[in-house]
């Protein structure tokens, strides 16, 4: 692509970036203090010791010890701020995990077990994955999900980001494009290979020396679409750019990476998802966060994310063949109604309009449906035109 063509190709993207930079102080103002707050190892140890001291005090009084956890899975505990996304309310309801109650004593013991492991990790300045903790006593924990939930509960209870607990998780996401950086251990990572992607780091917050000339970041919902874009050499054809996928519902590391790219590069971030309720919800997680991780919203959400495609209005505009569309199920219709009631839809009238179109069409469409127009339509026509003419909402 010539310099002239490239400047024309990214004219609208550059204009969008200028708007984002103008609004950046307002967008980031709510998250500045949290992002700049650092936790020393001693801070973490002191907080854990505080929990143990409360247990000891209860025992010394002849009382049954309890742990108090904020409820992480209820909308009633969540507030919405357009500059932050979904964040846990300061007056969130709590659950009491009792040591003298048959229904909660097991959970009480498991939390203390993981808390002990975290204390040792922080004290020795070493790291472990959640999987390491699980395999340390599989009979006790019984499932990986149990450990995952407890680590997040402890993070919420101590009011400390999970990475500061020295507990890492294996990433499921991949990234490719105009991006180089150093891992915390000094390993240089180059994501510029056009044919293969790099796994998202399991320690995103340890990344430093990020170098990129990317004009934009493209979040791709599904791995199959991501691989197709790789095969079609998308990052070279629309160079310079970065692509990332969380392979469906994104893990925390993929969300941290998108946030890291936004904080470092301040370039437009677009989402490419299926035109269905599930795809929209995944995009909302990147943009506004999730209820269960709302206590760490300031580090995980990117409210500047824009919906590039596939838009329900695109289905009509491009006359996607009827046989390539899928009828909405009752579950889809229920999810769509739920999405339209979400607090963030009040500041996204265009998104709501797109969802109304989906309801009217009574059909959904996967990104792959564009192949019914032409096999290479997605990379040759759809995405280049969307970026060139500002076809995002």
Protein backbone atom coordinates (compact mmCIF):
# COMPACT_ATOMS: atom_id res chain seq x y z
CA UNK A 1 0.00 0.00 0.00
CA UNK A 2 1.47 3.38 -1.02
CA UNK A 3 1.89 6.23 1.46
CA UNK A 4 -0.92 8.16 -0.25
CA UNK A 5 -3.29 5.21 -0.12
CA UNK A 6 -2.32 4.50 3.48
CA UNK A 7 -3.05 8.09 4.53
CA UNK A 8 -6.44 7.86 2.83
CA UNK A 9 -7.12 4.43 4.33
CA UNK A 10 -6.60 5.65 7.89
CA UNK A 11 -8.05 9.17 7.55
CA UNK A 12 -11.17 8.38 9.61
CA UNK A 13 -9.18 6.26 12.09
CA UNK A 14 -6.73 9.16 12.60
CA UNK A 15 -9.63 11.57 13.04
CA UNK A 16 -11.12 9.24 15.64
CA UNK A 17 -7.81 9.06 17.48
CA UNK A 18 -7.67 12.86 17.65
CA UNK A 19 -11.14 12.87 19.25
CA UNK A 20 -10.09 10.18 21.73
CA UNK A 21 -6.97 12.13 22.69
CA UNK A 22 -9.07 15.25 23.28
CA UNK A 23 -11.34 13.32 25.61
CA UNK A 24 -8.65 11.24 27.27
CA UNK A 25 -8.40 13.24 30.50
CA UNK A 26 -12.14 12.98 31.05
CA UNK A 27 -12.22 9.26 30.16
CA UNK A 28 -9.30 8.36 32.44
CA UNK A 29 -9.95 10.76 35.31
CA UNK A 30 -11.94 8.26 37.37
CA UNK A 31 -9.29 5.55 37.05
CA UNK A 32 -6.12 7.56 37.63
CA UNK A 33 -5.83 7.09 41.39
CA UNK A 34 -6.51 3.37 41.27
CA UNK A 35 -4.08 2.72 38.44
CA UNK A 36 -1.35 4.69 40.18
CA UNK A 37 -1.89 2.96 43.54
CA UNK A 38 0.83 0.42 44.09
CA UNK A 39 0.87 -2.38 46.59
CA UNK A 40 4.14 -3.41 48.17
CA UNK A 41 4.69 -6.96 49.33
CA UNK A 42 4.45 -5.70 52.90
CA UNK A 43 1.05 -4.15 52.18
CA UNK A 44 -0.27 -7.52 51.00
CA UNK A 45 1.24 -9.42 53.93
CA UNK A 46 -0.23 -6.89 56.39
CA UNK A 47 -3.70 -7.28 54.89
CA UNK A 48 -3.53 -11.07 55.08
CA UNK A 49 -2.23 -10.86 58.64
CA UNK A 50 -5.21 -8.63 59.46
CA UNK A 51 -7.59 -11.36 58.33
CA UNK A 52 -5.78 -13.96 60.45
CA UNK A 53 -5.67 -11.65 63.48
CA UNK A 54 -9.45 -11.21 63.30
CA UNK A 55 -9.82 -15.00 63.33
CA UNK A 56 -7.49 -15.30 66.34
CA UNK A 57 -9.44 -12.56 68.19
CA UNK A 58 -12.71 -14.40 67.58
CA UNK A 59 -11.21 -17.66 68.88
CA UNK A 60 -9.81 -15.91 71.98
CA UNK A 61 -13.33 -14.69 72.79
CA UNK A 62 -14.76 -18.16 72.32
CA UNK A 63 -16.56 -17.07 69.16
CA UNK A 64 -16.66 -18.90 65.84
CA UNK A 65 -14.49 -17.05 63.28
CA UNK A 66 -16.14 -15.69 60.15
CA UNK A 67 -14.96 -14.27 56.83
CA UNK A 68 -16.90 -11.44 55.21
CA UNK A 69 -16.92 -11.36 51.40
CA UNK A 70 -18.57 -8.88 49.08
CA UNK A 71 -21.09 -10.53 46.74
CA UNK A 72 -19.40 -10.52 43.33
CA UNK A 73 -22.22 -12.04 41.30
CA UNK A 74 -25.19 -9.73 41.69
CA UNK A 75 -26.17 -6.68 39.65
CA UNK A 76 -27.48 -4.97 42.79
CA UNK A 77 -23.86 -4.56 43.97
CA UNK A 78 -22.75 -2.90 40.74
CA UNK A 79 -22.78 0.75 39.74
CA UNK A 80 -22.17 2.13 36.26
CA UNK A 81 -19.88 4.99 35.33
CA UNK A 82 -19.38 5.76 31.64
CA UNK A 83 -15.69 6.54 32.27
CA UNK A 84 -15.02 3.30 34.18
CA UNK A 85 -17.71 0.80 33.29
CA UNK A 86 -19.30 -1.57 35.79
CA UNK A 87 -17.70 -1.17 39.19
CA UNK A 88 -18.54 -2.52 42.62
CA UNK A 89 -20.59 -0.17 44.78
CA UNK A 90 -19.00 1.11 47.97
CA UNK A 91 -22.03 -0.20 49.89
CA UNK A 92 -22.09 -3.65 48.29
CA UNK A 93 -23.95 -6.41 50.11
CA UNK A 94 -21.79 -9.09 51.72
CA UNK A 95 -21.85 -12.80 52.50
CA UNK A 96 -20.64 -14.18 55.81
CA UNK A 97 -18.64 -17.40 55.58
CA UNK A 98 -18.98 -19.04 58.97
CA UNK A 99 -16.61 -21.63 60.44
CA UNK A 100 -19.37 -23.14 62.61
CA UNK A 101 -21.92 -23.70 59.85
CA UNK A 102 -22.03 -27.01 57.97
CA UNK A 103 -22.93 -25.28 54.68
CA UNK A 104 -19.95 -22.91 54.73
CA UNK A 105 -17.22 -24.48 56.88
CA UNK A 106 -15.63 -26.17 53.87
CA UNK A 107 -15.43 -22.89 51.94
CA UNK A 108 -14.02 -21.18 55.04
CA UNK A 109 -11.22 -23.77 55.19
CA UNK A 110 -10.49 -23.56 51.46
CA UNK A 111 -10.17 -19.77 51.59
CA UNK A 112 -7.68 -20.04 54.45
CA UNK A 113 -5.74 -22.71 52.54
CA UNK A 114 -5.39 -20.46 49.48
CA UNK A 115 -4.69 -17.42 51.67
CA UNK A 116 -1.81 -19.36 53.25
CA UNK A 117 -0.40 -20.23 49.82
CA UNK A 118 -0.63 -16.59 48.71
CA UNK A 119 1.12 -15.41 51.90
CA UNK A 120 4.05 -17.75 51.20
CA UNK A 121 4.27 -16.63 47.57
CA UNK A 122 4.33 -12.93 48.44
CA UNK A 123 6.74 -13.47 51.32
CA UNK A 124 9.21 -15.35 49.11
CA UNK A 125 8.61 -13.05 46.09
CA UNK A 126 7.75 -16.06 43.94
CA UNK A 127 4.82 -16.73 41.62
CA UNK A 128 2.46 -19.64 41.02
CA UNK A 129 -0.40 -20.24 38.62
CA UNK A 130 -3.91 -21.01 39.82
CA UNK A 131 -3.34 -24.45 38.34
CA UNK A 132 -0.27 -24.91 40.58
CA UNK A 133 -2.40 -24.17 43.64
CA UNK A 134 -5.07 -26.63 42.50
CA UNK A 135 -2.58 -29.45 41.91
CA UNK A 136 -1.05 -28.82 45.30
CA UNK A 137 -4.12 -30.53 46.76
CA UNK A 138 -6.58 -31.80 44.14
CA UNK A 139 -8.47 -33.90 46.68
CA UNK A 140 -9.18 -30.85 48.80
CA UNK A 141 -10.17 -28.44 46.04
CA UNK A 142 -11.86 -31.02 43.79
CA UNK A 143 -12.01 -28.65 40.80
CA UNK A 144 -9.99 -25.87 39.19
CA UNK A 145 -13.06 -23.61 39.23
CA UNK A 146 -13.07 -23.73 43.03
CA UNK A 147 -9.54 -22.31 43.16
CA UNK A 148 -10.32 -19.70 40.47
CA UNK A 149 -13.32 -18.39 42.42
CA UNK A 150 -11.47 -18.35 45.75
CA UNK A 151 -8.52 -16.40 44.32
CA UNK A 152 -10.94 -13.77 42.98
CA UNK A 153 -12.82 -13.71 46.30
CA UNK A 154 -9.54 -13.10 48.16
CA UNK A 155 -8.54 -10.38 45.69
CA UNK A 156 -11.90 -8.69 46.31
CA UNK A 157 -11.74 -9.19 50.09
CA UNK A 158 -8.23 -7.72 50.39
CA UNK A 159 -9.03 -5.01 47.81
CA UNK A 160 -5.87 -5.92 45.92
CA UNK A 161 -5.54 -6.71 42.18
CA UNK A 162 -5.02 -10.44 41.61
CA UNK A 163 -1.56 -10.01 40.04
CA UNK A 164 -0.34 -8.43 43.31
CA UNK A 165 -1.20 -11.69 45.06
CA UNK A 166 1.56 -13.37 42.98
CA UNK A 167 -1.02 -15.73 41.48
CA UNK A 168 -0.95 -15.95 37.69
CA UNK A 169 -3.27 -17.69 35.27
CA UNK A 170 -2.44 -19.31 31.95
CA UNK A 171 -3.67 -17.11 29.12
CA UNK A 172 -6.04 -18.44 26.49
CA UNK A 173 -5.81 -15.36 24.27
CA UNK A 174 -3.53 -14.64 21.31
CA UNK A 175 -2.10 -11.45 19.84
CA UNK A 176 -0.47 -10.51 16.54
CA UNK A 177 0.63 -7.41 14.65
CA UNK A 178 2.84 -4.36 14.99
CA UNK A 179 3.91 -4.88 18.59
CA UNK A 180 7.14 -5.64 20.48
CA UNK A 181 7.72 -5.65 24.24
CA UNK A 182 9.79 -7.10 27.05
CA UNK A 183 8.39 -9.59 29.55
CA UNK A 184 9.19 -8.98 33.22
CA UNK A 185 12.05 -11.51 33.05
CA UNK A 186 13.64 -9.63 30.12
CA UNK A 187 12.41 -11.92 27.33
CA UNK A 188 11.80 -9.95 24.13
CA UNK A 189 8.48 -10.68 22.43
CA UNK A 190 7.87 -9.78 18.78
CA UNK A 191 4.27 -10.15 17.59
CA UNK A 192 5.01 -9.07 14.02
CA UNK A 193 4.99 -12.51 12.38
CA UNK A 194 2.18 -12.49 9.82
CA UNK A 195 1.44 -16.21 9.94
CA UNK A 196 1.51 -17.08 13.64
CA UNK A 197 0.18 -15.42 16.78
CA UNK A 198 1.77 -15.04 20.21
CA UNK A 199 -0.03 -16.20 23.38
CA UNK A 200 -1.06 -13.27 25.56
CA UNK A 201 1.36 -12.91 28.48
CA UNK A 202 0.40 -14.54 31.78
CA UNK A 203 1.92 -11.52 33.54
CA UNK A 204 0.62 -8.56 31.54
CA UNK A 205 1.41 -6.07 34.27
CA UNK A 206 5.09 -7.05 34.12
CA UNK A 207 5.32 -6.09 30.43
CA UNK A 208 7.51 -3.09 29.68
CA UNK A 209 9.19 -1.26 26.77
CA UNK A 210 6.14 -1.57 24.50
CA UNK A 211 6.93 -0.48 20.95
CA UNK A 212 4.27 -0.14 18.26
CA UNK A 213 3.28 2.08 15.34
CA UNK A 214 -0.23 0.58 15.23
CA UNK A 215 -3.03 2.82 14.00
CA UNK A 216 -5.64 0.71 15.77
CA UNK A 217 -6.26 -2.45 17.79
CA UNK A 218 -8.81 -5.01 16.58
CA UNK A 219 -10.45 -7.28 19.18
CA UNK A 220 -11.65 -10.43 17.44
CA UNK A 221 -14.31 -12.44 19.26
CA UNK A 222 -13.59 -15.92 17.96
CA UNK A 223 -10.40 -17.84 17.37
CA UNK A 224 -11.65 -19.14 13.99
CA UNK A 225 -12.08 -15.58 12.69
CA UNK A 226 -8.74 -14.55 14.18
CA UNK A 227 -7.00 -17.44 12.39
CA UNK A 228 -8.76 -16.55 9.14
CA UNK A 229 -7.49 -12.97 9.40
CA UNK A 230 -3.99 -14.31 10.09
CA UNK A 231 -4.20 -16.62 7.05
CA UNK A 232 -5.35 -13.69 4.91
CA UNK A 233 -2.37 -11.62 6.14
CA UNK A 234 -4.71 -8.95 7.52
CA UNK A 235 -2.10 -7.30 9.77
CA UNK A 236 0.18 -6.76 6.76
CA UNK A 237 -2.56 -5.59 4.39
CA UNK A 238 -3.83 -3.03 6.90
CA UNK A 239 -0.47 -2.40 8.51
CA UNK A 240 0.27 -1.06 11.03
CA UNK A 241 -2.27 -2.62 13.40
CA UNK A 242 -2.64 -5.11 16.25
CA UNK A 243 -5.12 -8.00 16.52
CA UNK A 244 -6.05 -9.77 19.72
CA UNK A 245 -8.54 -12.52 20.57
CA UNK A 246 -9.73 -13.88 23.91
CA UNK A 247 -11.18 -16.89 22.05
CA UNK A 248 -14.74 -16.22 23.10
CA UNK A 249 -15.49 -14.87 26.57
CA UNK A 250 -12.17 -13.19 27.41
CA UNK A 251 -10.00 -14.25 30.32
CA UNK A 252 -8.58 -11.63 32.66
CA UNK A 253 -5.18 -11.60 30.89
CA UNK A 254 -6.74 -10.78 27.51
CA UNK A 255 -8.72 -7.95 29.11
CA UNK A 256 -5.61 -6.69 30.93
CA UNK A 257 -3.70 -6.74 27.62
CA UNK A 258 -6.34 -4.68 25.82
CA UNK A 259 -6.29 -2.20 28.71
CA UNK A 260 -2.47 -2.13 28.64
CA UNK A 261 -2.49 -1.34 24.90
CA UNK A 262 -5.02 1.44 25.45
CA UNK A 263 -3.08 2.99 28.35
CA UNK A 264 0.20 2.81 26.40
CA UNK A 265 -0.77 3.58 22.79
CA UNK A 266 -4.04 5.51 23.03
CA UNK A 267 -5.16 4.34 19.60
CA UNK A 268 -8.73 3.39 18.61
CA UNK A 269 -9.80 -0.09 19.73
CA UNK A 270 -12.43 -1.83 17.63
CA UNK A 271 -14.41 -5.01 18.28
CA UNK A 272 -15.25 -7.57 15.59
CA UNK A 273 -17.93 -9.91 16.95
CA UNK A 274 -20.81 -12.00 15.64
CA UNK A 275 -24.09 -10.15 15.13
CA UNK A 276 -25.73 -12.10 17.92
CA UNK A 277 -26.49 -11.47 21.63
CA UNK A 278 -23.50 -13.58 22.75
CA UNK A 279 -21.07 -11.58 20.60
CA UNK A 280 -22.49 -8.28 21.84
CA UNK A 281 -22.12 -9.40 25.45
CA UNK A 282 -18.47 -10.37 24.87
CA UNK A 283 -17.81 -6.91 23.40
CA UNK A 284 -19.49 -5.34 26.45
CA UNK A 285 -17.14 -7.28 28.76
CA UNK A 286 -14.10 -5.71 27.05
CA UNK A 287 -15.69 -2.26 27.08
CA UNK A 288 -17.59 -2.09 30.37
CA UNK A 289 -16.48 -5.16 32.33
CA UNK A 290 -18.38 -7.96 34.04
CA UNK A 291 -20.34 -8.16 37.28
CA UNK A 292 -18.05 -10.81 38.82
CA UNK A 293 -14.88 -8.74 38.23
CA UNK A 294 -16.44 -5.32 38.86
CA UNK A 295 -14.21 -4.88 41.93
CA UNK A 296 -11.25 -4.55 39.54
CA UNK A 297 -12.99 -2.58 36.79
CA UNK A 298 -10.44 0.25 36.77
CA UNK A 299 -7.76 -2.13 35.52
CA UNK A 300 -9.85 -4.23 33.15
CA UNK A 301 -12.31 -2.05 31.25
CA UNK A 302 -11.71 0.04 28.12
CA UNK A 303 -14.77 2.30 27.68
CA UNK A 304 -13.37 3.66 24.40
CA UNK A 305 -13.95 0.31 22.58
CA UNK A 306 -16.08 0.75 19.45
CA UNK A 307 -18.26 -1.78 17.61
CA UNK A 308 -16.80 -2.24 14.13
CA UNK A 309 -18.85 -5.26 13.10
CA UNK A 310 -20.66 -7.41 12.39
CA UNK A 311 -23.55 -4.96 12.83
CA UNK A 312 -27.16 -6.14 12.46
CA UNK A 313 -27.62 -3.16 10.11
CA UNK A 314 -24.80 -4.61 7.96
CA UNK A 315 -26.91 -7.73 7.42
CA UNK A 316 -29.53 -5.59 5.69
CA UNK A 317 -27.13 -3.16 4.03
CA UNK A 318 -24.99 -5.91 2.49
CA UNK A 319 -27.99 -8.14 1.74
CA UNK A 320 -26.42 -11.15 3.39
CA UNK A 321 -28.26 -14.17 1.90
CA UNK A 322 -31.12 -15.46 4.04
CA UNK A 323 -29.66 -18.97 4.09
CA UNK A 324 -26.54 -17.60 5.82
CA UNK A 325 -28.62 -16.22 8.70
CA UNK A 326 -29.67 -18.10 11.85
CA UNK A 327 -33.09 -17.62 13.52
CA UNK A 328 -32.96 -16.19 17.04
CA UNK A 329 -33.77 -18.77 19.70
CA UNK A 330 -35.85 -18.02 22.78
CA UNK A 331 -32.60 -17.92 24.72
CA UNK A 332 -31.21 -15.35 22.24
CA UNK A 333 -34.32 -13.20 22.57
CA UNK A 334 -34.09 -13.36 26.36
CA UNK A 335 -30.39 -12.42 26.29
CA UNK A 336 -31.14 -9.53 23.92
CA UNK A 337 -33.82 -8.15 26.26
CA UNK A 338 -31.38 -8.52 29.16
CA UNK A 339 -28.66 -6.64 27.27
CA UNK A 340 -31.01 -3.80 26.40
CA UNK A 341 -31.77 -3.34 30.11
CA UNK A 342 -28.10 -3.05 31.05
CA UNK A 343 -27.18 0.33 32.60
CA UNK A 344 -24.57 1.11 29.93
CA UNK A 345 -27.11 1.05 27.08
CA UNK A 346 -28.35 4.46 28.23
CA UNK A 347 -25.14 6.02 26.85
CA UNK A 348 -25.05 3.80 23.75
CA UNK A 349 -28.17 4.70 21.71
CA UNK A 350 -26.56 3.43 18.49
CA UNK A 351 -25.92 0.03 20.05
CA UNK A 352 -29.51 -0.12 21.23
CA UNK A 353 -30.66 0.77 17.70
CA UNK A 354 -28.59 -2.14 16.30
CA UNK A 355 -30.16 -4.51 18.82
CA UNK A 356 -33.61 -3.30 17.83
CA UNK A 357 -32.75 -4.19 14.23
CA UNK A 358 -31.75 -7.68 15.35
CA UNK A 359 -35.05 -8.06 17.20
CA UNK A 360 -36.95 -6.95 14.11
CA UNK A 361 -35.01 -9.26 11.78
CA UNK A 362 -35.49 -12.16 14.25
CA UNK A 363 -32.18 -13.49 12.91
CA UNK A 364 -28.51 -13.44 13.91
CA UNK A 365 -25.39 -13.79 11.79
CA UNK A 366 -21.87 -15.03 12.38
CA UNK A 367 -18.91 -13.15 10.91
CA UNK A 368 -18.37 -16.17 8.64
CA UNK A 369 -21.72 -15.38 6.95
CA UNK A 370 -19.88 -12.72 4.93
CA UNK A 371 -18.20 -15.57 3.06
CA UNK A 372 -21.59 -16.19 1.42
CA UNK A 373 -21.04 -12.90 -0.46
CA UNK A 374 -17.43 -13.78 -1.42
CA UNK A 375 -14.89 -16.08 0.21
CA UNK A 376 -12.46 -13.23 0.97
CA UNK A 377 -15.09 -10.52 1.50
CA UNK A 378 -14.19 -10.00 5.18
CA UNK A 379 -10.54 -9.06 4.62
CA UNK A 380 -10.69 -7.74 1.06
CA UNK A 381 -13.80 -5.53 1.26
CA UNK A 382 -15.65 -5.44 4.59
CA UNK A 383 -12.92 -4.50 7.09
CA UNK A 384 -10.95 -2.14 4.78
CA UNK A 385 -14.15 -0.23 3.94
CA UNK A 386 -15.29 -0.12 7.55
CA UNK A 387 -11.98 1.40 8.61
CA UNK A 388 -11.72 3.73 5.64
CA UNK A 389 -15.21 5.19 5.90
CA UNK A 390 -15.71 5.14 9.68
CA UNK A 391 -18.27 2.33 9.77
CA UNK A 392 -18.21 1.85 13.54
CA UNK A 393 -20.67 2.67 16.32
